[in-house]
Amino acid sequence: MRYFIVDAFTREAFGGNPAGVVLLDGDFPNDRLMQQVAAELRYSETAFVQQNGPTEFTVRYFTPAGEVDLCGHATIATFGVLRELAVVPAAVCLNHTLAGDLQVSVGEPVMMQMAAPHVVDKMVDIDRLHSIMAGHKEQQWPALPVEIVSTGLPDIIMPVADVEALNSLCPDMAALSALSEELEVVGVHAFAVAVDCYTAHVRNFGPLYGIPEESATGTANAALTHYLNRHDMIASPCECRFMQGEVMQRPSVVTTSLRNDGTIWVGGDSRIVARGELLL
């Protein structure tokens, strides 16, 4: 099995969000082995890629703690690798995932179709959430709703007053893990509406899956795009640009496209920083 370390949502090495990409020569190995590989590589997600046809693939995603249905940045990384290796031409590919069959446009940048967006009908204890996330009691919260939104993976979408307040968030990771487990979500995607060239600045926390903070998150930014459109903060169709990873010193630009047919696509650049062979 060949493996690659790829920084997604950036053109610069050591920026963006790193992911592992493992190219399989045949069938998927057993789940335990894939879990062990993901834990050994230690990135937030590792994608295992099986080619089914010239432009058809099945991809499974593992965090250090378990398998997830879909991962945006690992998908961008995967098809960036396939493009660089000339495994696929500039074309629209089919990606079979546990979240459904999704299209991926392989070009520069790579753009992936997300699962149909929907709001998960679960109540969030707002006071408890704010207490977990703020790290102090002086935080001011905007008069916008907190919602659980999914475009393949459910996240709590949490508005924050401004970028300064966003950067000051200091979650209680144990308490956030417990809340995430109760609500059956990946974690919290916090955002502050920008006053610069970006649609919003964002931070993403998923300690339940071994990810205290993530520097670029495709699925959650797609969910945020749906949230912003749902609350008339952006029109349809439109393109959004989200800045993520600043606090982690790994700035990432995540592009989303809300199209006339209601689908949401997420994309960005990627950069291979290492490659090797797994001797298993």
C-alpha atoms as a PDB file:
ATOM      1  CA  MET A   1       0.000   0.000   0.000  1.00  0.00           C
ATOM      2  CA  ARG A   2       1.341   3.404  -0.986  1.00  0.00           C
ATOM      3  CA  TYR A   3       0.693   6.274   1.370  1.00  0.00           C
ATOM      4  CA  PHE A   4       0.878  10.039   1.015  1.00  0.00           C
ATOM      5  CA  ILE A   5       0.833  12.907   3.484  1.00  0.00           C
ATOM      6  CA  VAL A   6      -1.087  15.784   1.956  1.00  0.00           C
ATOM      7  CA  ASP A   7      -1.852  19.306   3.143  1.00  0.00           C
ATOM      8  CA  ALA A   8      -5.376  20.140   1.975  1.00  0.00           C
ATOM      9  CA  PHE A   9      -6.918  23.566   1.422  1.00  0.00           C
ATOM     10  CA  THR A  10      -3.558  25.199   0.804  1.00  0.00           C
ATOM     11  CA  ARG A  11      -0.836  25.475  -1.826  1.00  0.00           C
ATOM     12  CA  GLU A  12       1.893  25.829   0.768  1.00  0.00           C
ATOM     13  CA  ALA A  13       3.639  22.954   2.525  1.00  0.00           C
ATOM     14  CA  PHE A  14       2.813  22.814   6.239  1.00  0.00           C
ATOM     15  CA  GLY A  15      -0.304  24.916   5.796  1.00  0.00           C
ATOM     16  CA  GLY A  16      -3.905  23.801   5.542  1.00  0.00           C
ATOM     17  CA  ASN A  17      -5.078  20.521   7.067  1.00  0.00           C
ATOM     18  CA  PRO A  18      -2.870  17.432   6.753  1.00  0.00           C
ATOM     19  CA  ALA A  19      -4.411  14.072   5.896  1.00  0.00           C
ATOM     20  CA  GLY A  20      -3.142  10.601   5.197  1.00  0.00           C
ATOM     21  CA  VAL A  21      -4.047   9.011   1.853  1.00  0.00           C
ATOM     22  CA  VAL A  22      -3.532   5.273   1.362  1.00  0.00           C
ATOM     23  CA  LEU A  23      -3.896   3.837  -2.153  1.00  0.00           C
ATOM     24  CA  LEU A  24      -4.978   0.192  -2.189  1.00  0.00           C
ATOM     25  CA  ASP A  25      -4.031  -2.312  -4.863  1.00  0.00           C
ATOM     26  CA  GLY A  26      -7.159  -4.395  -4.288  1.00  0.00           C
ATOM     27  CA  ASP A  27      -9.774  -4.931  -1.611  1.00  0.00           C
ATOM     28  CA  PHE A  28      -9.934  -3.028   1.639  1.00  0.00           C
ATOM     29  CA  PRO A  29      -7.954  -4.600   4.470  1.00  0.00           C
ATOM     30  CA  ASN A  30      -9.788  -5.413   7.688  1.00  0.00           C
ATOM     31  CA  ASP A  31     -11.123  -2.525   9.769  1.00  0.00           C
ATOM     32  CA  ARG A  32      -8.677  -3.139  12.607  1.00  0.00           C
ATOM     33  CA  LEU A  33      -5.683  -2.734  10.302  1.00  0.00           C
ATOM     34  CA  MET A  34      -7.037   0.483   8.778  1.00  0.00           C
ATOM     35  CA  GLN A  35      -7.649   1.802  12.281  1.00  0.00           C
ATOM     36  CA  GLN A  36      -4.082   0.925  13.263  1.00  0.00           C
ATOM     37  CA  VAL A  37      -2.693   2.702  10.211  1.00  0.00           C
ATOM     38  CA  ALA A  38      -4.749   5.828  10.958  1.00  0.00           C
ATOM     39  CA  ALA A  39      -3.524   5.790  14.554  1.00  0.00           C
ATOM     40  CA  GLU A  40       0.082   5.339  13.405  1.00  0.00           C
ATOM     41  CA  LEU A  41      -0.095   8.228  10.925  1.00  0.00           C
ATOM     42  CA  ARG A  42      -1.742  10.347  13.655  1.00  0.00           C
ATOM     43  CA  TYR A  43      -3.550  12.747  11.352  1.00  0.00           C
ATOM     44  CA  SER A  44      -7.145  13.770  12.038  1.00  0.00           C
ATOM     45  CA  GLU A  45      -8.259  11.605   9.107  1.00  0.00           C
ATOM     46  CA  THR A  46      -6.696   9.033   6.827  1.00  0.00           C
ATOM     47  CA  ALA A  47      -8.457   8.061   3.591  1.00  0.00           C
ATOM     48  CA  PHE A  48      -8.233   4.508   2.206  1.00  0.00           C
ATOM     49  CA  VAL A  49      -8.837   4.524  -1.539  1.00  0.00           C
ATOM     50  CA  GLN A  50     -10.031   1.677  -3.746  1.00  0.00           C
ATOM     51  CA  GLN A  51     -10.292   2.242  -7.494  1.00  0.00           C
ATOM     52  CA  ASN A  52     -13.402   0.667  -9.060  1.00  0.00           C
ATOM     53  CA  GLY A  53     -13.099   2.062 -12.572  1.00  0.00           C
ATOM     54  CA  PRO A  54     -11.372   4.813 -14.589  1.00  0.00           C
ATOM     55  CA  THR A  55     -13.221   7.577 -12.712  1.00  0.00           C
ATOM     56  CA  GLU A  56     -14.965   5.594  -9.949  1.00  0.00           C
ATOM     57  CA  PHE A  57     -13.624   5.105  -6.430  1.00  0.00           C
ATOM     58  CA  THR A  58     -14.651   3.903  -2.982  1.00  0.00           C
ATOM     59  CA  VAL A  59     -13.112   5.831  -0.096  1.00  0.00           C
ATOM     60  CA  ARG A  60     -13.277   5.037   3.617  1.00  0.00           C
ATOM     61  CA  TYR A  61     -12.169   7.486   6.286  1.00  0.00           C
ATOM     62  CA  PHE A  62     -10.586   6.722   9.658  1.00  0.00           C
ATOM     63  CA  THR A  63      -9.653   9.077  12.485  1.00  0.00           C
ATOM     64  CA  PRO A  64      -7.214   7.963  15.195  1.00  0.00           C
ATOM     65  CA  ALA A  65     -10.306   6.993  17.229  1.00  0.00           C
ATOM     66  CA  GLY A  66     -12.712   5.446  14.708  1.00  0.00           C
ATOM     67  CA  GLU A  67     -14.260   5.405  11.246  1.00  0.00           C
ATOM     68  CA  VAL A  68     -16.356   8.355  10.038  1.00  0.00           C
ATOM     69  CA  ASP A  69     -18.760   8.469   7.104  1.00  0.00           C
ATOM     70  CA  LEU A  70     -17.087  11.308   5.229  1.00  0.00           C
ATOM     71  CA  CYS A  71     -14.199  13.759   5.485  1.00  0.00           C
ATOM     72  CA  GLY A  72     -13.961  16.826   3.294  1.00  0.00           C
ATOM     73  CA  HIS A  73     -10.277  17.665   3.583  1.00  0.00           C
ATOM     74  CA  ALA A  74      -9.217  14.019   3.193  1.00  0.00           C
ATOM     75  CA  THR A  75     -11.320  13.831   0.004  1.00  0.00           C
ATOM     76  CA  ILE A  76      -9.662  16.950  -1.393  1.00  0.00           C
ATOM     77  CA  ALA A  77      -6.306  15.398  -0.477  1.00  0.00           C
ATOM     78  CA  THR A  78      -7.239  12.055  -2.083  1.00  0.00           C
ATOM     79  CA  PHE A  79      -8.284  13.434  -5.442  1.00  0.00           C
ATOM     80  CA  GLY A  80      -5.390  15.874  -5.395  1.00  0.00           C
ATOM     81  CA  VAL A  81      -3.078  12.839  -5.174  1.00  0.00           C
ATOM     82  CA  LEU A  82      -4.954  11.017  -7.943  1.00  0.00           C
ATOM     83  CA  ARG A  83      -4.650  14.117 -10.134  1.00  0.00           C
ATOM     84  CA  GLU A  84      -0.919  14.521  -9.420  1.00  0.00           C
ATOM     85  CA  LEU A  85      -0.255  10.837 -10.190  1.00  0.00           C
ATOM     86  CA  ALA A  86      -2.300  11.104 -13.415  1.00  0.00           C
ATOM     87  CA  VAL A  87      -4.529   8.269 -12.182  1.00  0.00           C
ATOM     88  CA  VAL A  88      -7.513  10.356 -13.281  1.00  0.00           C
ATOM     89  CA  PRO A  89      -7.699  13.105 -15.893  1.00  0.00           C
ATOM     90  CA  ALA A  90      -9.503  16.401 -15.398  1.00  0.00           C
ATOM     91  CA  ALA A  91     -12.972  14.926 -15.062  1.00  0.00           C
ATOM     92  CA  VAL A  92     -15.916  14.404 -12.757  1.00  0.00           C
ATOM     93  CA  CYS A  93     -15.353  11.276 -10.664  1.00  0.00           C
ATOM     94  CA  LEU A  94     -17.762   9.222  -8.576  1.00  0.00           C
ATOM     95  CA  ASN A  95     -16.812   8.740  -4.920  1.00  0.00           C
ATOM     96  CA  HIS A  96     -18.633   5.965  -3.027  1.00  0.00           C
ATOM     97  CA  THR A  97     -18.658   6.814   0.702  1.00  0.00           C
ATOM     98  CA  LEU A  98     -20.617   5.758   3.756  1.00  0.00           C
ATOM     99  CA  ALA A  99     -22.394   9.126   3.446  1.00  0.00           C
ATOM    100  CA  GLY A 100     -23.565   8.265  -0.082  1.00  0.00           C
ATOM    101  CA  ASP A 101     -22.339   8.446  -3.662  1.00  0.00           C
ATOM    102  CA  LEU A 102     -20.811  11.873  -4.282  1.00  0.00           C
ATOM    103  CA  GLN A 103     -19.305  13.563  -7.313  1.00  0.00           C
ATOM    104  CA  VAL A 104     -15.818  15.042  -7.290  1.00  0.00           C
ATOM    105  CA  SER A 105     -14.673  17.476  -9.956  1.00  0.00           C
ATOM    106  CA  VAL A 106     -10.958  16.896 -10.495  1.00  0.00           C
ATOM    107  CA  GLY A 107      -9.292  20.081 -11.607  1.00  0.00           C
ATOM    108  CA  GLU A 108      -7.575  23.011  -9.967  1.00  0.00           C
ATOM    109  CA  PRO A 109      -8.998  23.221  -7.408  1.00  0.00           C
ATOM    110  CA  VAL A 110     -10.614  19.879  -6.624  1.00  0.00           C
ATOM    111  CA  MET A 111     -14.308  20.380  -5.791  1.00  0.00           C
ATOM    112  CA  MET A 112     -16.447  17.745  -4.098  1.00  0.00           C
ATOM    113  CA  GLN A 113     -20.213  17.476  -3.909  1.00  0.00           C
ATOM    114  CA  MET A 114     -21.512  17.164  -0.370  1.00  0.00           C
ATOM    115  CA  ALA A 115     -24.436  15.087   0.828  1.00  0.00           C
ATOM    116  CA  ALA A 116     -27.818  16.864   0.774  1.00  0.00           C
ATOM    117  CA  PRO A 117     -27.827  19.393   3.641  1.00  0.00           C
ATOM    118  CA  HIS A 118     -30.323  19.084   6.445  1.00  0.00           C
ATOM    119  CA  VAL A 119     -30.895  20.436   9.932  1.00  0.00           C
ATOM    120  CA  VAL A 120     -30.894  17.696  12.555  1.00  0.00           C
ATOM    121  CA  ASP A 121     -33.938  18.031  14.800  1.00  0.00           C
ATOM    122  CA  LYS A 122     -32.227  17.911  18.204  1.00  0.00           C
ATOM    123  CA  MET A 123     -32.267  20.434  21.013  1.00  0.00           C
ATOM    124  CA  VAL A 124     -28.981  21.953  22.127  1.00  0.00           C
ATOM    125  CA  ASP A 125     -28.671  23.278  25.674  1.00  0.00           C
ATOM    126  CA  ILE A 126     -27.324  26.697  24.665  1.00  0.00           C
ATOM    127  CA  ASP A 127     -26.193  27.762  28.135  1.00  0.00           C
ATOM    128  CA  ARG A 128     -24.337  24.500  28.598  1.00  0.00           C
ATOM    129  CA  LEU A 129     -22.734  24.787  25.155  1.00  0.00           C
ATOM    130  CA  HIS A 130     -21.603  28.357  25.759  1.00  0.00           C
ATOM    131  CA  SER A 131     -20.187  27.421  29.149  1.00  0.00           C
ATOM    132  CA  ILE A 132     -18.229  24.549  27.585  1.00  0.00           C
ATOM    133  CA  MET A 133     -16.901  26.642  24.709  1.00  0.00           C
ATOM    134  CA  ALA A 134     -16.140  30.061  26.153  1.00  0.00           C
ATOM    135  CA  GLY A 135     -13.517  29.355  28.777  1.00  0.00           C
ATOM    136  CA  HIS A 136     -14.730  32.471  30.612  1.00  0.00           C
ATOM    137  CA  LYS A 137     -18.065  34.153  31.408  1.00  0.00           C
ATOM    138  CA  GLU A 138     -17.467  37.502  29.700  1.00  0.00           C
ATOM    139  CA  GLN A 139     -18.089  36.165  26.207  1.00  0.00           C
ATOM    140  CA  GLN A 140     -20.842  37.933  24.234  1.00  0.00           C
ATOM    141  CA  TRP A 141     -22.964  35.811  21.929  1.00  0.00           C
ATOM    142  CA  PRO A 142     -24.857  37.089  18.855  1.00  0.00           C
ATOM    143  CA  ALA A 143     -28.621  36.758  18.517  1.00  0.00           C
ATOM    144  CA  LEU A 144     -28.375  33.931  16.004  1.00  0.00           C
ATOM    145  CA  PRO A 145     -29.575  30.354  16.478  1.00  0.00           C
ATOM    146  CA  VAL A 146     -27.369  27.381  17.285  1.00  0.00           C
ATOM    147  CA  GLU A 147     -28.257  24.452  15.018  1.00  0.00           C
ATOM    148  CA  ILE A 148     -27.046  20.949  14.233  1.00  0.00           C
ATOM    149  CA  VAL A 149     -26.505  20.782  10.469  1.00  0.00           C
ATOM    150  CA  SER A 150     -25.253  17.889   8.371  1.00  0.00           C
ATOM    151  CA  THR A 151     -23.899  17.598   4.841  1.00  0.00           C
ATOM    152  CA  GLY A 152     -22.641  14.085   5.508  1.00  0.00           C
ATOM    153  CA  LEU A 153     -21.511  14.569   9.109  1.00  0.00           C
ATOM    154  CA  PRO A 154     -23.525  16.437  11.776  1.00  0.00           C
ATOM    155  CA  ASP A 155     -21.893  19.404  13.503  1.00  0.00           C
ATOM    156  CA  ILE A 156     -23.151  22.001  15.938  1.00  0.00           C
ATOM    157  CA  ILE A 157     -23.018  25.324  14.071  1.00  0.00           C
ATOM    158  CA  MET A 158     -22.321  27.997  16.691  1.00  0.00           C
ATOM    159  CA  PRO A 159     -22.191  31.732  15.920  1.00  0.00           C
ATOM    160  CA  VAL A 160     -19.678  33.916  17.788  1.00  0.00           C
ATOM    161  CA  ALA A 161     -19.750  37.697  18.113  1.00  0.00           C
ATOM    162  CA  ASP A 162     -16.567  38.535  16.203  1.00  0.00           C
ATOM    163  CA  VAL A 163     -13.169  37.183  15.174  1.00  0.00           C
ATOM    164  CA  GLU A 164     -11.541  38.268  18.434  1.00  0.00           C
ATOM    165  CA  ALA A 165     -14.147  36.359  20.425  1.00  0.00           C
ATOM    166  CA  LEU A 166     -13.764  33.377  18.083  1.00  0.00           C
ATOM    167  CA  ASN A 167     -10.016  33.269  18.653  1.00  0.00           C
ATOM    168  CA  SER A 168     -10.500  33.429  22.420  1.00  0.00           C
ATOM    169  CA  LEU A 169     -12.576  30.226  22.580  1.00  0.00           C
ATOM    170  CA  CYS A 170     -11.027  27.695  24.946  1.00  0.00           C
ATOM    171  CA  PRO A 171     -13.296  24.636  25.089  1.00  0.00           C
ATOM    172  CA  ASP A 172     -13.425  22.140  27.929  1.00  0.00           C
ATOM    173  CA  MET A 173     -12.550  19.167  25.712  1.00  0.00           C
ATOM    174  CA  ALA A 174     -13.830  16.475  28.082  1.00  0.00           C
ATOM    175  CA  ALA A 175     -17.173  18.258  28.474  1.00  0.00           C
ATOM    176  CA  LEU A 176     -17.404  18.854  24.722  1.00  0.00           C
ATOM    177  CA  SER A 177     -16.734  15.165  24.052  1.00  0.00           C
ATOM    178  CA  ALA A 178     -19.563  14.228  26.433  1.00  0.00           C
ATOM    179  CA  LEU A 179     -21.965  16.697  24.803  1.00  0.00           C
ATOM    180  CA  SER A 180     -21.006  15.526  21.302  1.00  0.00           C
ATOM    181  CA  GLU A 181     -21.651  11.914  22.274  1.00  0.00           C
ATOM    182  CA  GLU A 182     -25.051  12.792  23.752  1.00  0.00           C
ATOM    183  CA  LEU A 183     -26.112  14.706  20.633  1.00  0.00           C
ATOM    184  CA  GLU A 184     -24.470  12.245  18.217  1.00  0.00           C
ATOM    185  CA  VAL A 185     -22.463  14.978  16.480  1.00  0.00           C
ATOM    186  CA  VAL A 186     -18.835  15.206  15.418  1.00  0.00           C
ATOM    187  CA  GLY A 187     -18.298  18.423  17.348  1.00  0.00           C
ATOM    188  CA  VAL A 188     -18.688  22.206  17.181  1.00  0.00           C
ATOM    189  CA  HIS A 189     -18.081  24.453  14.175  1.00  0.00           C
ATOM    190  CA  ALA A 190     -17.854  28.011  15.482  1.00  0.00           C
ATOM    191  CA  PHE A 191     -17.920  31.004  13.144  1.00  0.00           C
ATOM    192  CA  ALA A 192     -17.718  34.785  13.133  1.00  0.00           C
ATOM    193  CA  VAL A 193     -18.980  36.767  10.157  1.00  0.00           C
ATOM    194  CA  ALA A 194     -16.013  38.459   8.535  1.00  0.00           C
ATOM    195  CA  VAL A 195     -15.463  42.103   7.629  1.00  0.00           C
ATOM    196  CA  ASP A 196     -12.651  41.250   5.224  1.00  0.00           C
ATOM    197  CA  CYS A 197     -12.387  39.235   2.012  1.00  0.00           C
ATOM    198  CA  TYR A 198     -13.724  36.064   3.653  1.00  0.00           C
ATOM    199  CA  THR A 199     -17.328  35.056   4.212  1.00  0.00           C
ATOM    200  CA  ALA A 200     -16.476  34.030   7.769  1.00  0.00           C
ATOM    201  CA  HIS A 201     -13.610  33.017  10.014  1.00  0.00           C
ATOM    202  CA  VAL A 202     -14.175  29.593  11.585  1.00  0.00           C
ATOM    203  CA  ARG A 203     -12.824  27.131  14.140  1.00  0.00           C
ATOM    204  CA  ASN A 204     -13.741  23.442  14.403  1.00  0.00           C
ATOM    205  CA  PHE A 205     -13.502  21.232  17.508  1.00  0.00           C
ATOM    206  CA  GLY A 206     -14.056  17.438  17.479  1.00  0.00           C
ATOM    207  CA  PRO A 207     -12.447  15.935  20.600  1.00  0.00           C
ATOM    208  CA  LEU A 208     -14.877  12.985  20.609  1.00  0.00           C
ATOM    209  CA  TYR A 209     -13.030  11.714  17.515  1.00  0.00           C
ATOM    210  CA  GLY A 210      -9.574  12.566  18.787  1.00  0.00           C
ATOM    211  CA  ILE A 211      -9.474  15.991  17.081  1.00  0.00           C
ATOM    212  CA  PRO A 212      -9.155  18.797  19.659  1.00  0.00           C
ATOM    213  CA  GLU A 213      -9.107  21.344  16.835  1.00  0.00           C
ATOM    214  CA  GLU A 214      -8.971  20.994  13.053  1.00  0.00           C
ATOM    215  CA  SER A 215      -7.316  23.482  10.719  1.00  0.00           C
ATOM    216  CA  ALA A 216      -9.651  22.943   7.727  1.00  0.00           C
ATOM    217  CA  THR A 217     -12.982  21.135   7.622  1.00  0.00           C
ATOM    218  CA  GLY A 218     -14.863  20.547   4.368  1.00  0.00           C
ATOM    219  CA  THR A 219     -18.070  18.991   5.673  1.00  0.00           C
ATOM    220  CA  ALA A 220     -18.586  21.540   8.450  1.00  0.00           C
ATOM    221  CA  ASN A 221     -18.009  24.512   6.152  1.00  0.00           C
ATOM    222  CA  ALA A 222     -20.551  23.047   3.743  1.00  0.00           C
ATOM    223  CA  ALA A 223     -22.958  22.806   6.684  1.00  0.00           C
ATOM    224  CA  LEU A 224     -22.169  26.420   7.558  1.00  0.00           C
ATOM    225  CA  THR A 225     -22.930  27.435   3.958  1.00  0.00           C
ATOM    226  CA  HIS A 226     -26.374  25.856   4.307  1.00  0.00           C
ATOM    227  CA  TYR A 227     -26.852  27.597   7.667  1.00  0.00           C
ATOM    228  CA  LEU A 228     -25.951  31.018   6.243  1.00  0.00           C
ATOM    229  CA  ASN A 229     -28.290  30.555   3.297  1.00  0.00           C
ATOM    230  CA  ARG A 230     -31.073  29.233   5.518  1.00  0.00           C
ATOM    231  CA  HIS A 231     -30.881  32.386   7.649  1.00  0.00           C
ATOM    232  CA  ASP A 232     -30.688  34.755   4.637  1.00  0.00           C
ATOM    233  CA  MET A 233     -27.085  35.737   5.300  1.00  0.00           C
ATOM    234  CA  ILE A 234     -25.988  34.660   1.802  1.00  0.00           C
ATOM    235  CA  ALA A 235     -27.960  34.349  -1.421  1.00  0.00           C
ATOM    236  CA  SER A 236     -28.269  31.381  -3.758  1.00  0.00           C
ATOM    237  CA  PRO A 237     -26.329  30.705  -5.939  1.00  0.00           C
ATOM    238  CA  CYS A 238     -23.068  31.976  -4.497  1.00  0.00           C
ATOM    239  CA  GLU A 239     -19.511  31.086  -3.578  1.00  0.00           C
ATOM    240  CA  CYS A 240     -18.079  31.417  -0.072  1.00  0.00           C
ATOM    241  CA  ARG A 241     -14.518  31.554   1.228  1.00  0.00           C
ATOM    242  CA  PHE A 242     -13.864  30.519   4.822  1.00  0.00           C
ATOM    243  CA  MET A 243     -10.636  31.205   6.718  1.00  0.00           C
ATOM    244  CA  GLN A 244      -9.771  28.457   9.208  1.00  0.00           C
ATOM    245  CA  GLY A 245      -6.699  27.361  11.154  1.00  0.00           C
ATOM    246  CA  GLU A 246      -5.335  30.783  12.055  1.00  0.00           C
ATOM    247  CA  VAL A 247      -5.036  30.032  15.780  1.00  0.00           C
ATOM    248  CA  MET A 248      -3.218  26.794  14.922  1.00  0.00           C
ATOM    249  CA  GLN A 249      -0.739  28.645  12.660  1.00  0.00           C
ATOM    250  CA  ARG A 250      -2.010  26.580   9.706  1.00  0.00           C
ATOM    251  CA  PRO A 251      -4.164  29.048   7.736  1.00  0.00           C
ATOM    252  CA  SER A 252      -6.540  27.319   5.344  1.00  0.00           C
ATOM    253  CA  VAL A 253      -8.923  28.679   2.725  1.00  0.00           C
ATOM    254  CA  VAL A 254     -12.006  26.510   2.183  1.00  0.00           C
ATOM    255  CA  THR A 255     -14.149  27.383  -0.841  1.00  0.00           C
ATOM    256  CA  THR A 256     -17.802  26.368  -1.035  1.00  0.00           C
ATOM    257  CA  SER A 257     -20.226  26.715  -3.914  1.00  0.00           C
ATOM    258  CA  LEU A 258     -24.000  26.828  -3.367  1.00  0.00           C
ATOM    259  CA  ARG A 259     -25.485  26.005  -6.746  1.00  0.00           C
ATOM    260  CA  ASN A 260     -28.827  26.651  -8.414  1.00  0.00           C
ATOM    261  CA  ASP A 261     -29.928  23.047  -7.892  1.00  0.00           C
ATOM    262  CA  GLY A 262     -29.405  23.394  -4.121  1.00  0.00           C
ATOM    263  CA  THR A 263     -26.282  21.239  -3.995  1.00  0.00           C
ATOM    264  CA  ILE A 264     -23.248  22.379  -2.052  1.00  0.00           C
ATOM    265  CA  TRP A 265     -19.730  21.742  -3.289  1.00  0.00           C
ATOM    266  CA  VAL A 266     -16.538  22.189  -1.276  1.00  0.00           C
ATOM    267  CA  GLY A 267     -13.073  22.579  -2.678  1.00  0.00           C
ATOM    268  CA  GLY A 268      -9.557  23.829  -2.385  1.00  0.00           C
ATOM    269  CA  ASP A 269      -5.952  23.283  -3.285  1.00  0.00           C
ATOM    270  CA  SER A 270      -3.664  20.566  -1.912  1.00  0.00           C
ATOM    271  CA  ARG A 271       0.033  19.855  -1.613  1.00  0.00           C
ATOM    272  CA  ILE A 272       1.756  16.457  -1.271  1.00  0.00           C
ATOM    273  CA  VAL A 273       4.485  16.761   1.371  1.00  0.00           C
ATOM    274  CA  ALA A 274       5.543  13.117   1.802  1.00  0.00           C
ATOM    275  CA  ARG A 275       5.058   9.679   0.275  1.00  0.00           C
ATOM    276  CA  GLY A 276       6.081   6.152   1.111  1.00  0.00           C
ATOM    277  CA  GLU A 277       5.127   2.475   1.295  1.00  0.00           C
ATOM    278  CA  LEU A 278       3.371   0.634   4.089  1.00  0.00           C
ATOM    279  CA  LEU A 279       5.122  -2.705   4.671  1.00  0.00           C
ATOM    280  CA  LEU A 280       2.168  -4.644   6.081  1.00  0.00           C
END
